[in-house]
Amino acid sequence: MIDVSRFKQRKRRPSTPGEVLADILETNAITQTELARRLKVSRRMVSQIIHGRRPMSVDLAVRLGTVFGNGPELWLNLQQAVDLWDALHTRSREYETLKPFAKSQAA
């Protein structure tokens, strides 16, 4: 479970799945073309993920988790962290106006 209060206080946006992927490719001297072939997706899709123009999908997370052996959860958690940070920082004023149900009503 993600600690929402931690994301509210964090000034820097979490690393995107694409940033992490770019680091892995660079460290291991793997090209985007080679990765795309291995994943059986287009090179354009890989490029869009790396450059932050496309969010991580469940399908791509499964593919990456399989080829790198680290499972889809890592990739999905990275995307979830970015999505949550973005929402909390772009709509914080709106969220502050929300009134929660009493605990007995929420269950």
PDB file of N, CA and C in Angstrom:
ATOM      1  N   MET A   1       0.836  -1.181   0.000  1.00  0.00           N
ATOM      2  CA  MET A   1       0.000   0.000   0.000  1.00  0.00           C
ATOM      3  C   MET A   1       0.885   1.251   0.000  1.00  0.00           C
ATOM      4  N   ILE A   2       0.521   2.219  -0.809  1.00  0.00           N
ATOM      5  CA  ILE A   2       1.300   3.444  -0.935  1.00  0.00           C
ATOM      6  C   ILE A   2       0.876   4.433   0.139  1.00  0.00           C
ATOM      7  N   ASP A   3       1.855   5.052   0.783  1.00  0.00           N
ATOM      8  CA  ASP A   3       1.612   6.074   1.797  1.00  0.00           C
ATOM      9  C   ASP A   3       1.375   7.407   1.085  1.00  0.00           C
ATOM     10  N   VAL A   4       0.110   7.822   1.017  1.00  0.00           N
ATOM     11  CA  VAL A   4      -0.268   9.023   0.278  1.00  0.00           C
ATOM     12  C   VAL A   4       0.380  10.265   0.882  1.00  0.00           C
ATOM     13  N   SER A   5       0.477  10.346   2.200  1.00  0.00           N
ATOM     14  CA  SER A   5       1.064  11.529   2.831  1.00  0.00           C
ATOM     15  C   SER A   5       2.513  11.722   2.389  1.00  0.00           C
ATOM     16  N   ARG A   6       3.212  10.649   2.146  1.00  0.00           N
ATOM     17  CA  ARG A   6       4.596  10.725   1.681  1.00  0.00           C
ATOM     18  C   ARG A   6       4.663  11.392   0.300  1.00  0.00           C
ATOM     19  N   PHE A   7       3.699  11.091  -0.539  1.00  0.00           N
ATOM     20  CA  PHE A   7       3.673  11.663  -1.880  1.00  0.00           C
ATOM     21  C   PHE A   7       3.291  13.138  -1.861  1.00  0.00           C
ATOM     22  N   LYS A   8       2.463  13.542  -0.914  1.00  0.00           N
ATOM     23  CA  LYS A   8       2.085  14.955  -0.796  1.00  0.00           C
ATOM     24  C   LYS A   8       3.303  15.797  -0.438  1.00  0.00           C
ATOM     25  N   GLN A   9       4.163  15.278   0.405  1.00  0.00           N
ATOM     26  CA  GLN A   9       5.326  16.021   0.888  1.00  0.00           C
ATOM     27  C   GLN A   9       6.493  15.984  -0.096  1.00  0.00           C
ATOM     28  N   ARG A  10       6.538  15.004  -0.920  1.00  0.00           N
ATOM     29  CA  ARG A  10       7.655  14.833  -1.843  1.00  0.00           C
ATOM     30  C   ARG A  10       7.660  15.946  -2.890  1.00  0.00           C
ATOM     31  N   LYS A  11       8.779  16.636  -3.032  1.00  0.00           N
ATOM     32  CA  LYS A  11       8.897  17.750  -3.983  1.00  0.00           C
ATOM     33  C   LYS A  11       9.239  17.260  -5.388  1.00  0.00           C
ATOM     34  N   ARG A  12       9.990  16.198  -5.465  1.00  0.00           N
ATOM     35  CA  ARG A  12      10.448  15.684  -6.756  1.00  0.00           C
ATOM     36  C   ARG A  12       9.539  14.558  -7.232  1.00  0.00           C
ATOM     37  N   ARG A  13       9.172  14.620  -8.491  1.00  0.00           N
ATOM     38  CA  ARG A  13       8.339  13.583  -9.094  1.00  0.00           C
ATOM     39  C   ARG A  13       9.108  12.259  -9.103  1.00  0.00           C
ATOM     40  N   PRO A  14       8.443  11.148  -8.781  1.00  0.00           N
ATOM     41  CA  PRO A  14       9.131   9.847  -8.826  1.00  0.00           C
ATOM     42  C   PRO A  14       9.632   9.534 -10.241  1.00  0.00           C
ATOM     43  N   SER A  15      10.617   8.698 -10.307  1.00  0.00           N
ATOM     44  CA  SER A  15      11.124   8.263 -11.616  1.00  0.00           C
ATOM     45  C   SER A  15      10.035   7.526 -12.359  1.00  0.00           C
ATOM     46  N   THR A  16       9.937   7.823 -13.636  1.00  0.00           N
ATOM     47  CA  THR A  16       8.941   7.141 -14.459  1.00  0.00           C
ATOM     48  C   THR A  16       9.468   5.762 -14.850  1.00  0.00           C
ATOM     49  N   PRO A  17       8.570   4.856 -15.247  1.00  0.00           N
ATOM     50  CA  PRO A  17       9.046   3.566 -15.743  1.00  0.00           C
ATOM     51  C   PRO A  17      10.007   3.739 -16.916  1.00  0.00           C
ATOM     52  N   GLY A  18       9.757   4.750 -17.742  1.00  0.00           N
ATOM     53  CA  GLY A  18      10.619   5.004 -18.894  1.00  0.00           C
ATOM     54  C   GLY A  18      12.027   5.410 -18.501  1.00  0.00           C
ATOM     55  N   GLU A  19      12.148   6.219 -17.463  1.00  0.00           N
ATOM     56  CA  GLU A  19      13.473   6.619 -16.984  1.00  0.00           C
ATOM     57  C   GLU A  19      14.241   5.416 -16.455  1.00  0.00           C
ATOM     58  N   VAL A  20      13.552   4.575 -15.721  1.00  0.00           N
ATOM     59  CA  VAL A  20      14.191   3.361 -15.193  1.00  0.00           C
ATOM     60  C   VAL A  20      14.577   2.448 -16.346  1.00  0.00           C
ATOM     61  N   LEU A  21      13.689   2.299 -17.300  1.00  0.00           N
ATOM     62  CA  LEU A  21      13.966   1.457 -18.461  1.00  0.00           C
ATOM     63  C   LEU A  21      15.162   1.989 -19.245  1.00  0.00           C
ATOM     64  N   ALA A  22      15.230   3.292 -19.453  1.00  0.00           N
ATOM     65  CA  ALA A  22      16.359   3.891 -20.178  1.00  0.00           C
ATOM     66  C   ALA A  22      17.682   3.586 -19.463  1.00  0.00           C
ATOM     67  N   ASP A  23      17.671   3.677 -18.135  1.00  0.00           N
ATOM     68  CA  ASP A  23      18.884   3.361 -17.369  1.00  0.00           C
ATOM     69  C   ASP A  23      19.295   1.906 -17.542  1.00  0.00           C
ATOM     70  N   ILE A  24      18.312   1.007 -17.517  1.00  0.00           N
ATOM     71  CA  ILE A  24      18.602  -0.422 -17.689  1.00  0.00           C
ATOM     72  C   ILE A  24      19.186  -0.678 -19.069  1.00  0.00           C
ATOM     73  N   LEU A  25      18.587  -0.065 -20.075  1.00  0.00           N
ATOM     74  CA  LEU A  25      19.094  -0.263 -21.441  1.00  0.00           C
ATOM     75  C   LEU A  25      20.525   0.260 -21.573  1.00  0.00           C
ATOM     76  N   GLU A  26      20.771   1.451 -21.041  1.00  0.00           N
ATOM     77  CA  GLU A  26      22.114   2.035 -21.132  1.00  0.00           C
ATOM     78  C   GLU A  26      23.142   1.193 -20.377  1.00  0.00           C
ATOM     79  N   THR A  27      22.799   0.788 -19.176  1.00  0.00           N
ATOM     80  CA  THR A  27      23.713  -0.014 -18.355  1.00  0.00           C
ATOM     81  C   THR A  27      24.073  -1.331 -19.021  1.00  0.00           C
ATOM     82  N   ASN A  28      23.101  -1.912 -19.715  1.00  0.00           N
ATOM     83  CA  ASN A  28      23.310  -3.229 -20.324  1.00  0.00           C
ATOM     84  C   ASN A  28      23.578  -3.184 -21.822  1.00  0.00           C
ATOM     85  N   ALA A  29      23.779  -1.972 -22.350  1.00  0.00           N
ATOM     86  CA  ALA A  29      24.068  -1.779 -23.785  1.00  0.00           C
ATOM     87  C   ALA A  29      23.039  -2.482 -24.676  1.00  0.00           C
ATOM     88  N   ILE A  30      21.770  -2.277 -24.342  1.00  0.00           N
ATOM     89  CA  ILE A  30      20.664  -2.832 -25.122  1.00  0.00           C
ATOM     90  C   ILE A  30      20.021  -1.669 -25.877  1.00  0.00           C
ATOM     91  N   THR A  31      19.797  -1.837 -27.152  1.00  0.00           N
ATOM     92  CA  THR A  31      19.155  -0.780 -27.931  1.00  0.00           C
ATOM     93  C   THR A  31      17.638  -0.872 -27.797  1.00  0.00           C
ATOM     94  N   GLN A  32      16.978   0.238 -28.097  1.00  0.00           N
ATOM     95  CA  GLN A  32      15.516   0.234 -28.089  1.00  0.00           C
ATOM     96  C   GLN A  32      14.975  -0.747 -29.120  1.00  0.00           C
ATOM     97  N   THR A  33      15.643  -0.830 -30.244  1.00  0.00           N
ATOM     98  CA  THR A  33      15.225  -1.756 -31.303  1.00  0.00           C
ATOM     99  C   THR A  33      15.321  -3.196 -30.829  1.00  0.00           C
ATOM    100  N   GLU A  34      16.429  -3.524 -30.180  1.00  0.00           N
ATOM    101  CA  GLU A  34      16.616  -4.885 -29.675  1.00  0.00           C
ATOM    102  C   GLU A  34      15.568  -5.223 -28.623  1.00  0.00           C
ATOM    103  N   LEU A  35      15.295  -4.278 -27.730  1.00  0.00           N
ATOM    104  CA  LEU A  35      14.286  -4.513 -26.705  1.00  0.00           C
ATOM    105  C   LEU A  35      12.909  -4.697 -27.337  1.00  0.00           C
ATOM    106  N   ALA A  36      12.573  -3.855 -28.305  1.00  0.00           N
ATOM    107  CA  ALA A  36      11.275  -3.953 -28.968  1.00  0.00           C
ATOM    108  C   ALA A  36      11.094  -5.326 -29.611  1.00  0.00           C
ATOM    109  N   ARG A  37      12.138  -5.804 -30.264  1.00  0.00           N
ATOM    110  CA  ARG A  37      12.070  -7.148 -30.871  1.00  0.00           C
ATOM    111  C   ARG A  37      11.832  -8.217 -29.807  1.00  0.00           C
ATOM    112  N   ARG A  38      12.577  -8.109 -28.709  1.00  0.00           N
ATOM    113  CA  ARG A  38      12.452  -9.094 -27.630  1.00  0.00           C
ATOM    114  C   ARG A  38      11.064  -9.062 -27.006  1.00  0.00           C
ATOM    115  N   LEU A  39      10.494  -7.858 -26.885  1.00  0.00           N
ATOM    116  CA  LEU A  39       9.157  -7.701 -26.287  1.00  0.00           C
ATOM    117  C   LEU A  39       8.024  -8.007 -27.264  1.00  0.00           C
ATOM    118  N   LYS A  40       8.377  -8.038 -28.566  1.00  0.00           N
ATOM    119  CA  LYS A  40       7.389  -8.214 -29.631  1.00  0.00           C
ATOM    120  C   LYS A  40       6.393  -7.054 -29.663  1.00  0.00           C
ATOM    121  N   VAL A  41       6.970  -5.838 -29.558  1.00  0.00           N
ATOM    122  CA  VAL A  41       6.205  -4.601 -29.683  1.00  0.00           C
ATOM    123  C   VAL A  41       6.965  -3.690 -30.646  1.00  0.00           C
ATOM    124  N   SER A  42       6.366  -2.574 -30.992  1.00  0.00           N
ATOM    125  CA  SER A  42       7.040  -1.650 -31.913  1.00  0.00           C
ATOM    126  C   SER A  42       8.142  -0.869 -31.185  1.00  0.00           C
ATOM    127  N   ARG A  43       9.126  -0.465 -31.965  1.00  0.00           N
ATOM    128  CA  ARG A  43      10.195   0.370 -31.419  1.00  0.00           C
ATOM    129  C   ARG A  43       9.610   1.703 -30.973  1.00  0.00           C
ATOM    130  N   ARG A  44       8.605   2.153 -31.694  1.00  0.00           N
ATOM    131  CA  ARG A  44       7.942   3.410 -31.346  1.00  0.00           C
ATOM    132  C   ARG A  44       7.344   3.339 -29.941  1.00  0.00           C
ATOM    133  N   MET A  45       6.728   2.224 -29.596  1.00  0.00           N
ATOM    134  CA  MET A  45       6.149   2.070 -28.269  1.00  0.00           C
ATOM    135  C   MET A  45       7.228   2.176 -27.197  1.00  0.00           C
ATOM    136  N   VAL A  46       8.343   1.498 -27.423  1.00  0.00           N
ATOM    137  CA  VAL A  46       9.457   1.547 -26.471  1.00  0.00           C
ATOM    138  C   VAL A  46       9.944   2.987 -26.336  1.00  0.00           C
ATOM    139  N   SER A  47      10.101   3.674 -27.445  1.00  0.00           N
ATOM    140  CA  SER A  47      10.551   5.059 -27.430  1.00  0.00           C
ATOM    141  C   SER A  47       9.570   5.959 -26.672  1.00  0.00           C
ATOM    142  N   GLN A  48       8.287   5.759 -26.890  1.00  0.00           N
ATOM    143  CA  GLN A  48       7.278   6.573 -26.211  1.00  0.00           C
ATOM    144  C   GLN A  48       7.314   6.363 -24.699  1.00  0.00           C
ATOM    145  N   ILE A  49       7.516   5.144 -24.278  1.00  0.00           N
ATOM    146  CA  ILE A  49       7.629   4.853 -22.836  1.00  0.00           C
ATOM    147  C   ILE A  49       8.861   5.551 -22.275  1.00  0.00           C
ATOM    148  N   ILE A  50       9.991   5.382 -22.934  1.00  0.00           N
ATOM    149  CA  ILE A  50      11.246   5.955 -22.458  1.00  0.00           C
ATOM    150  C   ILE A  50      11.178   7.474 -22.363  1.00  0.00           C
ATOM    151  N   HIS A  51      10.519   8.105 -23.314  1.00  0.00           N
ATOM    152  CA  HIS A  51      10.448   9.565 -23.337  1.00  0.00           C
ATOM    153  C   HIS A  51       9.232  10.136 -22.600  1.00  0.00           C
ATOM    154  N   GLY A  52       8.520   9.281 -21.877  1.00  0.00           N
ATOM    155  CA  GLY A  52       7.418   9.741 -21.043  1.00  0.00           C
ATOM    156  C   GLY A  52       6.181  10.186 -21.793  1.00  0.00           C
ATOM    157  N   ARG A  53       6.037   9.741 -23.019  1.00  0.00           N
ATOM    158  CA  ARG A  53       4.866  10.117 -23.810  1.00  0.00           C
ATOM    159  C   ARG A  53       3.765   9.058 -23.760  1.00  0.00           C
ATOM    160  N   ARG A  54       4.045   7.964 -23.071  1.00  0.00           N
ATOM    161  CA  ARG A  54       3.069   6.876 -22.981  1.00  0.00           C
ATOM    162  C   ARG A  54       3.212   6.249 -21.598  1.00  0.00           C
ATOM    163  N   PRO A  55       2.095   6.031 -20.899  1.00  0.00           N
ATOM    164  CA  PRO A  55       2.198   5.381 -19.590  1.00  0.00           C
ATOM    165  C   PRO A  55       2.425   3.876 -19.736  1.00  0.00           C
ATOM    166  N   MET A  56       2.901   3.281 -18.680  1.00  0.00           N
ATOM    167  CA  MET A  56       3.127   1.840 -18.650  1.00  0.00           C
ATOM    168  C   MET A  56       1.780   1.123 -18.617  1.00  0.00           C
ATOM    169  N   SER A  57       1.567   0.227 -19.535  1.00  0.00           N
ATOM    170  CA  SER A  57       0.336  -0.573 -19.547  1.00  0.00           C
ATOM    171  C   SER A  57       0.601  -1.903 -18.833  1.00  0.00           C
ATOM    172  N   VAL A  58      -0.467  -2.566 -18.458  1.00  0.00           N
ATOM    173  CA  VAL A  58      -0.328  -3.878 -17.828  1.00  0.00           C
ATOM    174  C   VAL A  58       0.352  -4.847 -18.790  1.00  0.00           C
ATOM    175  N   ASP A  59      -0.046  -4.813 -20.059  1.00  0.00           N
ATOM    176  CA  ASP A  59       0.547  -5.701 -21.056  1.00  0.00           C
ATOM    177  C   ASP A  59       2.055  -5.497 -21.152  1.00  0.00           C
ATOM    178  N   LEU A  60       2.478  -4.248 -21.260  1.00  0.00           N
ATOM    179  CA  LEU A  60       3.912  -3.988 -21.382  1.00  0.00           C
ATOM    180  C   LEU A  60       4.646  -4.334 -20.092  1.00  0.00           C
ATOM    181  N   ALA A  61       4.016  -4.116 -18.946  1.00  0.00           N
ATOM    182  CA  ALA A  61       4.628  -4.479 -17.668  1.00  0.00           C
ATOM    183  C   ALA A  61       4.877  -5.985 -17.594  1.00  0.00           C
ATOM    184  N   VAL A  62       3.933  -6.765 -18.078  1.00  0.00           N
ATOM    185  CA  VAL A  62       4.104  -8.227 -18.099  1.00  0.00           C
ATOM    186  C   VAL A  62       5.260  -8.596 -19.026  1.00  0.00           C
ATOM    187  N   ARG A  63       5.306  -7.974 -20.192  1.00  0.00           N
ATOM    188  CA  ARG A  63       6.379  -8.259 -21.152  1.00  0.00           C
ATOM    189  C   ARG A  63       7.753  -7.893 -20.569  1.00  0.00           C
ATOM    190  N   LEU A  64       7.856  -6.684 -19.996  1.00  0.00           N
ATOM    191  CA  LEU A  64       9.134  -6.258 -19.410  1.00  0.00           C
ATOM    192  C   LEU A  64       9.523  -7.148 -18.226  1.00  0.00           C
ATOM    193  N   GLY A  65       8.553  -7.436 -17.384  1.00  0.00           N
ATOM    194  CA  GLY A  65       8.819  -8.300 -16.232  1.00  0.00           C
ATOM    195  C   GLY A  65       9.294  -9.678 -16.637  1.00  0.00           C
ATOM    196  N   THR A  66       8.797 -10.147 -17.764  1.00  0.00           N
ATOM    197  CA  THR A  66       9.210 -11.458 -18.271  1.00  0.00           C
ATOM    198  C   THR A  66      10.624 -11.416 -18.841  1.00  0.00           C
ATOM    199  N   VAL A  67      10.915 -10.437 -19.699  1.00  0.00           N
ATOM    200  CA  VAL A  67      12.239 -10.416 -20.342  1.00  0.00           C
ATOM    201  C   VAL A  67      13.350 -10.023 -19.372  1.00  0.00           C
ATOM    202  N   PHE A  68      13.044  -9.203 -18.367  1.00  0.00           N
ATOM    203  CA  PHE A  68      14.076  -8.821 -17.403  1.00  0.00           C
ATOM    204  C   PHE A  68      14.059  -9.681 -16.144  1.00  0.00           C
ATOM    205  N   GLY A  69      13.032 -10.514 -15.999  1.00  0.00           N
ATOM    206  CA  GLY A  69      12.973 -11.428 -14.862  1.00  0.00           C
ATOM    207  C   GLY A  69      12.648 -10.760 -13.537  1.00  0.00           C
ATOM    208  N   ASN A  70      12.044  -9.565 -13.593  1.00  0.00           N
ATOM    209  CA  ASN A  70      11.732  -8.879 -12.338  1.00  0.00           C
ATOM    210  C   ASN A  70      10.228  -8.758 -12.078  1.00  0.00           C
ATOM    211  N   GLY A  71       9.430  -9.343 -12.915  1.00  0.00           N
ATOM    212  CA  GLY A  71       7.985  -9.351 -12.726  1.00  0.00           C
ATOM    213  C   GLY A  71       7.317  -8.032 -13.086  1.00  0.00           C
ATOM    214  N   PRO A  72       6.023  -8.079 -13.369  1.00  0.00           N
ATOM    215  CA  PRO A  72       5.293  -6.881 -13.786  1.00  0.00           C
ATOM    216  C   PRO A  72       5.052  -5.881 -12.657  1.00  0.00           C
ATOM    217  N   GLU A  73       5.073  -6.338 -11.428  1.00  0.00           N
ATOM    218  CA  GLU A  73       4.741  -5.460 -10.303  1.00  0.00           C
ATOM    219  C   GLU A  73       5.672  -4.258 -10.218  1.00  0.00           C
ATOM    220  N   LEU A  74       6.949  -4.460 -10.460  1.00  0.00           N
ATOM    221  CA  LEU A  74       7.905  -3.357 -10.419  1.00  0.00           C
ATOM    222  C   LEU A  74       7.473  -2.238 -11.365  1.00  0.00           C
ATOM    223  N   TRP A  75       7.180  -2.589 -12.588  1.00  0.00           N
ATOM    224  CA  TRP A  75       6.832  -1.620 -13.618  1.00  0.00           C
ATOM    225  C   TRP A  75       5.502  -0.942 -13.313  1.00  0.00           C
ATOM    226  N   LEU A  76       4.544  -1.719 -12.832  1.00  0.00           N
ATOM    227  CA  LEU A  76       3.241  -1.143 -12.492  1.00  0.00           C
ATOM    228  C   LEU A  76       3.341  -0.243 -11.256  1.00  0.00           C
ATOM    229  N   ASN A  77       4.159  -0.623 -10.291  1.00  0.00           N
ATOM    230  CA  ASN A  77       4.344   0.208  -9.109  1.00  0.00           C
ATOM    231  C   ASN A  77       5.010   1.535  -9.462  1.00  0.00           C
ATOM    232  N   LEU A  78       5.975   1.504 -10.373  1.00  0.00           N
ATOM    233  CA  LEU A  78       6.605   2.747 -10.820  1.00  0.00           C
ATOM    234  C   LEU A  78       5.572   3.669 -11.451  1.00  0.00           C
ATOM    235  N   GLN A  79       4.718   3.116 -12.312  1.00  0.00           N
ATOM    236  CA  GLN A  79       3.687   3.924 -12.970  1.00  0.00           C
ATOM    237  C   GLN A  79       2.683   4.452 -11.960  1.00  0.00           C
ATOM    238  N   GLN A  80       2.296   3.612 -11.013  1.00  0.00           N
ATOM    239  CA  GLN A  80       1.334   4.030 -10.002  1.00  0.00           C
ATOM    240  C   GLN A  80       1.894   5.181  -9.160  1.00  0.00           C
ATOM    241  N   ALA A  81       3.160   5.118  -8.814  1.00  0.00           N
ATOM    242  CA  ALA A  81       3.781   6.179  -8.022  1.00  0.00           C
ATOM    243  C   ALA A  81       3.765   7.502  -8.780  1.00  0.00           C
ATOM    244  N   VAL A  82       4.074   7.461 -10.062  1.00  0.00           N
ATOM    245  CA  VAL A  82       4.061   8.677 -10.887  1.00  0.00           C
ATOM    246  C   VAL A  82       2.632   9.210 -11.006  1.00  0.00           C
ATOM    247  N   ASP A  83       1.680   8.343 -11.280  1.00  0.00           N
ATOM    248  CA  ASP A  83       0.283   8.762 -11.435  1.00  0.00           C
ATOM    249  C   ASP A  83      -0.249   9.395 -10.151  1.00  0.00           C
ATOM    250  N   LEU A  84       0.060   8.784  -9.014  1.00  0.00           N
ATOM    251  CA  LEU A  84      -0.402   9.302  -7.736  1.00  0.00           C
ATOM    252  C   LEU A  84       0.231  10.656  -7.437  1.00  0.00           C
ATOM    253  N   TRP A  85       1.536  10.781  -7.648  1.00  0.00           N
ATOM    254  CA  TRP A  85       2.227  12.046  -7.418  1.00  0.00           C
ATOM    255  C   TRP A  85       1.629  13.139  -8.303  1.00  0.00           C
ATOM    256  N   ASP A  86       1.417  12.825  -9.579  1.00  0.00           N
ATOM    257  CA  ASP A  86       0.848  13.805 -10.510  1.00  0.00           C
ATOM    258  C   ASP A  86      -0.529  14.268 -10.036  1.00  0.00           C
ATOM    259  N   ALA A  87      -1.372  13.330  -9.656  1.00  0.00           N
ATOM    260  CA  ALA A  87      -2.724  13.685  -9.203  1.00  0.00           C
ATOM    261  C   ALA A  87      -2.677  14.536  -7.944  1.00  0.00           C
ATOM    262  N   LEU A  88      -1.859  14.143  -6.979  1.00  0.00           N
ATOM    263  CA  LEU A  88      -1.786  14.883  -5.723  1.00  0.00           C
ATOM    264  C   LEU A  88      -1.228  16.286  -5.913  1.00  0.00           C
ATOM    265  N   HIS A  89      -0.360  16.461  -6.885  1.00  0.00           N
ATOM    266  CA  HIS A  89       0.238  17.776  -7.089  1.00  0.00           C
ATOM    267  C   HIS A  89      -0.547  18.661  -8.053  1.00  0.00           C
ATOM    268  N   THR A  90      -1.387  18.089  -8.875  1.00  0.00           N
ATOM    269  CA  THR A  90      -2.171  18.927  -9.791  1.00  0.00           C
ATOM    270  C   THR A  90      -3.570  19.229  -9.241  1.00  0.00           C
ATOM    271  N   ARG A  91      -4.044  18.402  -8.325  1.00  0.00           N
ATOM    272  CA  ARG A  91      -5.411  18.596  -7.810  1.00  0.00           C
ATOM    273  C   ARG A  91      -5.453  18.719  -6.293  1.00  0.00           C
ATOM    274  N   SER A  92      -4.355  19.085  -5.701  1.00  0.00           N
ATOM    275  CA  SER A  92      -4.284  19.116  -4.237  1.00  0.00           C
ATOM    276  C   SER A  92      -5.354  20.015  -3.614  1.00  0.00           C
ATOM    277  N   ARG A  93      -5.604  21.170  -4.197  1.00  0.00           N
ATOM    278  CA  ARG A  93      -6.624  22.071  -3.633  1.00  0.00           C
ATOM    279  C   ARG A  93      -8.011  21.448  -3.676  1.00  0.00           C
ATOM    280  N   GLU A  94      -8.307  20.772  -4.772  1.00  0.00           N
ATOM    281  CA  GLU A  94      -9.605  20.105  -4.886  1.00  0.00           C
ATOM    282  C   GLU A  94      -9.723  18.986  -3.850  1.00  0.00           C
ATOM    283  N   TYR A  95      -8.670  18.202  -3.701  1.00  0.00           N
ATOM    284  CA  TYR A  95      -8.693  17.094  -2.737  1.00  0.00           C
ATOM    285  C   TYR A  95      -8.848  17.590  -1.305  1.00  0.00           C
ATOM    286  N   GLU A  96      -8.271  18.759  -1.004  1.00  0.00           N
ATOM    287  CA  GLU A  96      -8.368  19.303   0.352  1.00  0.00           C
ATOM    288  C   GLU A  96      -9.796  19.682   0.716  1.00  0.00           C
ATOM    289  N   THR A  97     -10.657  19.892  -0.263  1.00  0.00           N
ATOM    290  CA  THR A  97     -12.048  20.263   0.010  1.00  0.00           C
ATOM    291  C   THR A  97     -12.953  19.053   0.222  1.00  0.00           C
ATOM    292  N   LEU A  98     -12.438  17.860  -0.052  1.00  0.00           N
ATOM    293  CA  LEU A  98     -13.253  16.652   0.108  1.00  0.00           C
ATOM    294  C   LEU A  98     -13.446  16.337   1.583  1.00  0.00           C
ATOM    295  N   LYS A  99     -14.655  15.941   1.932  1.00  0.00           N
ATOM    296  CA  LYS A  99     -14.964  15.609   3.320  1.00  0.00           C
ATOM    297  C   LYS A  99     -15.204  14.108   3.432  1.00  0.00           C
ATOM    298  N   PRO A 100     -14.411  13.428   4.252  1.00  0.00           N
ATOM    299  CA  PRO A 100     -14.572  11.971   4.386  1.00  0.00           C
ATOM    300  C   PRO A 100     -15.838  11.610   5.175  1.00  0.00           C
ATOM    301  N   PHE A 101     -16.333  10.416   4.924  1.00  0.00           N
ATOM    302  CA  PHE A 101     -17.427   9.862   5.714  1.00  0.00           C
ATOM    303  C   PHE A 101     -16.899   9.571   7.110  1.00  0.00           C
ATOM    304  N   ALA A 102     -17.810   9.522   8.067  1.00  0.00           N
ATOM    305  CA  ALA A 102     -17.428   9.069   9.403  1.00  0.00           C
ATOM    306  C   ALA A 102     -17.014   7.620   9.284  1.00  0.00           C
ATOM    307  N   LYS A 103     -16.113   7.174  10.133  1.00  0.00           N
ATOM    308  CA  LYS A 103     -15.573   5.818  10.036  1.00  0.00           C
ATOM    309  C   LYS A 103     -16.662   4.752  10.033  1.00  0.00           C
ATOM    310  N   SER A 104     -17.730   4.938  10.795  1.00  0.00           N
ATOM    311  CA  SER A 104     -18.793   3.938  10.832  1.00  0.00           C
ATOM    312  C   SER A 104     -19.557   3.866   9.515  1.00  0.00           C
ATOM    313  N   GLN A 105     -19.604   4.958   8.742  1.00  0.00           N
ATOM    314  CA  GLN A 105     -20.277   4.968   7.458  1.00  0.00           C
ATOM    315  C   GLN A 105     -19.405   4.409   6.337  1.00  0.00           C
ATOM    316  N   ALA A 106     -18.103   4.526   6.462  1.00  0.00           N
ATOM    317  CA  ALA A 106     -17.181   4.126   5.395  1.00  0.00           C
ATOM    318  C   ALA A 106     -17.059   2.617   5.268  1.00  0.00           C
ATOM    319  N   ALA A 107     -17.349   1.882   6.293  1.00  0.00           N
ATOM    320  CA  ALA A 107     -17.200   0.426   6.256  1.00  0.00           C
ATOM    321  C   ALA A 107     -18.319  -0.167   5.545  1.00  0.00           C
TER     322      ALA A 107
END
